[in-house]
C-alpha cells in the first residue's frame, strides 16, 4: 500500500515538474520572439501571444499594444544576446527577468516578462521608460 502511494506521489511530481519545464520553455520561446521583433522593428509575430489585459510600460490593453508597436518600430536595435537573470513563480504567473544585450547604443538592459497560466505574455517591461499620454505634460516618452 505504501509503495502505491509513493508511486502515485512520484508520478504526480514528475508530471508537475515536466509541465513547469514545458511552460518555461514556451515562455522562453516567446522571450526570443520579442527579441526578434525588436530586431525586425515589428511586433506582428508576438501579438498572438499577448494576454487580453496585456500591460506594457504601465499602459494596458490596446494602448499597451500601440506603445509597444511604436517603441519597437523606433528602437532601431538588434538583440545580440539573451540571458535569463531570474525566474520566479508568483500568484500572477511565471516572471522571467532577462538581460538583453543590444548591438548598438543601448548595451545591456534587463527586461521583465510576466506570463499568465496559459503561457501568454501578461506584462512586459522592455526598457526603463515612462510613457506620458496627451493629458500629461509634453505627451512624449521619457527615460
Protein backbone atom coordinates (compact mmCIF):
# COMPACT_ATOMS: atom_id res chain seq x y z
CA UNK A 1 0.00 0.00 0.00
CA UNK A 2 2.77 2.41 0.94
CA UNK A 3 4.57 1.61 -2.34
CA UNK A 4 1.46 2.53 -4.33
CA UNK A 5 1.15 5.84 -2.52
CA UNK A 6 4.82 6.65 -3.12
CA UNK A 7 4.47 5.66 -6.77
CA UNK A 8 1.45 7.95 -7.21
CA UNK A 9 3.21 10.85 -5.46
CA UNK A 10 6.35 10.34 -7.57
CA UNK A 11 4.27 10.20 -10.77
CA UNK A 12 2.39 13.39 -9.90
CA UNK A 13 5.66 15.13 -9.01
CA UNK A 14 7.26 14.21 -12.34
CA UNK A 15 4.18 15.32 -14.30
CA UNK A 16 4.09 18.66 -12.45
CA UNK A 17 7.80 19.37 -12.87
CA UNK A 18 7.69 18.36 -16.55
CA UNK A 19 4.70 20.66 -17.00
CA UNK A 20 6.58 23.57 -15.39
CA UNK A 21 9.64 22.90 -17.56
CA UNK A 22 7.43 22.87 -20.66
CA UNK A 23 5.76 26.12 -19.57
CA UNK A 24 9.13 27.75 -19.02
CA UNK A 25 10.42 26.54 -22.40
CA UNK A 26 7.36 28.04 -24.14
CA UNK A 27 7.81 31.30 -22.23
CA UNK A 28 11.49 31.45 -23.17
CA UNK A 29 10.50 30.91 -26.80
CA UNK A 30 8.25 33.98 -26.54
CA UNK A 31 11.13 35.96 -24.99
CA UNK A 32 13.19 35.09 -28.08
CA UNK A 33 10.29 36.13 -30.33
CA UNK A 34 10.23 39.52 -28.56
CA UNK A 35 13.98 39.87 -29.21
CA UNK A 36 13.41 39.03 -32.89
CA UNK A 37 10.54 41.54 -33.03
CA UNK A 38 12.87 44.26 -31.73
CA UNK A 39 15.38 43.43 -34.47
CA UNK A 40 12.65 43.39 -37.12
CA UNK A 41 11.03 46.58 -35.84
CA UNK A 42 7.60 44.92 -35.77
CA UNK A 43 5.51 43.17 -33.10
CA UNK A 44 3.34 41.25 -35.59
CA UNK A 45 4.87 37.87 -34.73
CA UNK A 46 4.25 38.22 -30.98
CA UNK A 47 0.75 39.72 -30.95
CA UNK A 48 -0.91 36.27 -30.84
CA UNK A 49 0.98 35.57 -27.58
CA UNK A 50 -0.21 38.70 -25.74
CA UNK A 51 -2.80 38.18 -22.98
CA UNK A 52 -6.11 40.11 -23.27
CA UNK A 53 -5.18 42.58 -20.48
CA UNK A 54 -1.58 42.93 -21.70
CA UNK A 55 0.45 45.64 -19.90
CA UNK A 56 3.48 47.38 -21.45
CA UNK A 57 5.40 50.13 -19.68
CA UNK A 58 2.45 50.90 -17.42
CA UNK A 59 -0.10 51.02 -20.25
CA UNK A 60 -2.84 48.40 -20.64
CA UNK A 61 -4.79 46.75 -23.46
CA UNK A 62 -4.91 48.47 -26.85
CA UNK A 63 -2.82 51.38 -25.59
CA UNK A 64 -0.10 48.96 -24.41
CA UNK A 65 -0.02 47.29 -27.82
CA UNK A 66 0.19 50.67 -29.57
CA UNK A 67 3.02 51.89 -27.32
CA UNK A 68 4.93 48.64 -27.77
CA UNK A 69 4.45 48.78 -31.53
CA UNK A 70 5.75 52.37 -31.64
CA UNK A 71 8.73 51.71 -29.36
CA UNK A 72 9.82 48.57 -31.20
CA UNK A 73 9.49 50.32 -34.57
CA UNK A 74 11.62 53.26 -33.40
CA UNK A 75 14.32 51.39 -31.48
CA UNK A 76 16.47 50.52 -34.47
CA UNK A 77 18.33 47.94 -32.38
CA UNK A 78 19.11 44.25 -32.64
CA UNK A 79 19.38 41.91 -29.65
CA UNK A 80 22.70 40.06 -29.77
CA UNK A 81 22.37 38.03 -26.58
CA UNK A 82 19.68 36.99 -24.11
CA UNK A 83 20.49 35.85 -20.59
CA UNK A 84 17.92 34.73 -18.02
CA UNK A 85 18.77 36.61 -14.83
CA UNK A 86 15.94 35.39 -12.62
CA UNK A 87 12.77 33.35 -12.75
CA UNK A 88 10.02 33.27 -10.17
CA UNK A 89 6.56 31.75 -9.93
CA UNK A 90 4.16 34.30 -8.45
CA UNK A 91 0.41 34.33 -7.87
CA UNK A 92 0.10 36.12 -11.23
CA UNK A 93 2.19 33.58 -13.16
CA UNK A 94 5.77 32.97 -14.26
CA UNK A 95 8.02 36.01 -14.14
CA UNK A 96 11.25 35.96 -16.12
CA UNK A 97 13.85 38.71 -15.86
CA UNK A 98 16.14 38.60 -18.86
CA UNK A 99 19.16 40.69 -19.80
CA UNK A 100 19.06 41.74 -23.44
CA UNK A 101 22.41 42.78 -24.87
CA UNK A 102 21.69 45.14 -27.75
CA UNK A 103 24.09 45.52 -30.67
CA UNK A 104 24.01 49.32 -30.57
CA UNK A 105 23.96 52.18 -28.11
CA UNK A 106 21.59 50.57 -25.59
CA UNK A 107 24.08 47.94 -24.44
CA UNK A 108 22.79 45.54 -21.76
CA UNK A 109 19.30 46.17 -20.37
CA UNK A 110 17.08 44.00 -18.19
CA UNK A 111 13.55 43.20 -19.34
CA UNK A 112 10.79 41.73 -17.16
CA UNK A 113 8.30 39.30 -18.66
CA UNK A 114 5.21 38.08 -16.76
CA UNK A 115 3.33 35.13 -18.25
CA UNK A 116 -0.17 34.04 -17.27
CA UNK A 117 -1.15 30.42 -16.55
CA UNK A 118 -1.78 29.82 -20.25
CA UNK A 119 1.72 30.93 -21.30
CA UNK A 120 0.58 34.26 -22.74
CA UNK A 121 2.54 37.44 -22.11
CA UNK A 122 0.63 39.37 -19.44
CA UNK A 123 3.12 42.17 -18.73
CA UNK A 124 6.34 43.35 -20.34
CA UNK A 125 8.81 45.96 -19.18
CA UNK A 126 11.26 46.03 -22.08
CA UNK A 127 13.19 49.21 -21.28
CA UNK A 128 13.15 51.62 -18.34
CA UNK A 129 10.81 54.19 -19.89
CA UNK A 130 7.83 56.14 -18.65
CA UNK A 131 5.01 56.75 -21.05
CA UNK A 132 3.22 60.06 -20.96
CA UNK A 133 -0.13 60.40 -22.66
CA UNK A 134 -1.52 63.54 -24.26
CA UNK A 135 -3.08 64.51 -20.93
CA UNK A 136 0.40 64.63 -19.38
CA UNK A 137 2.83 67.48 -19.84
CA UNK A 138 4.78 67.03 -23.04
CA UNK A 139 2.94 63.99 -24.45
CA UNK A 140 6.19 62.10 -25.15
CA UNK A 141 8.25 59.15 -24.00
CA UNK A 142 10.64 59.82 -21.15
CA UNK A 143 13.56 57.72 -19.89
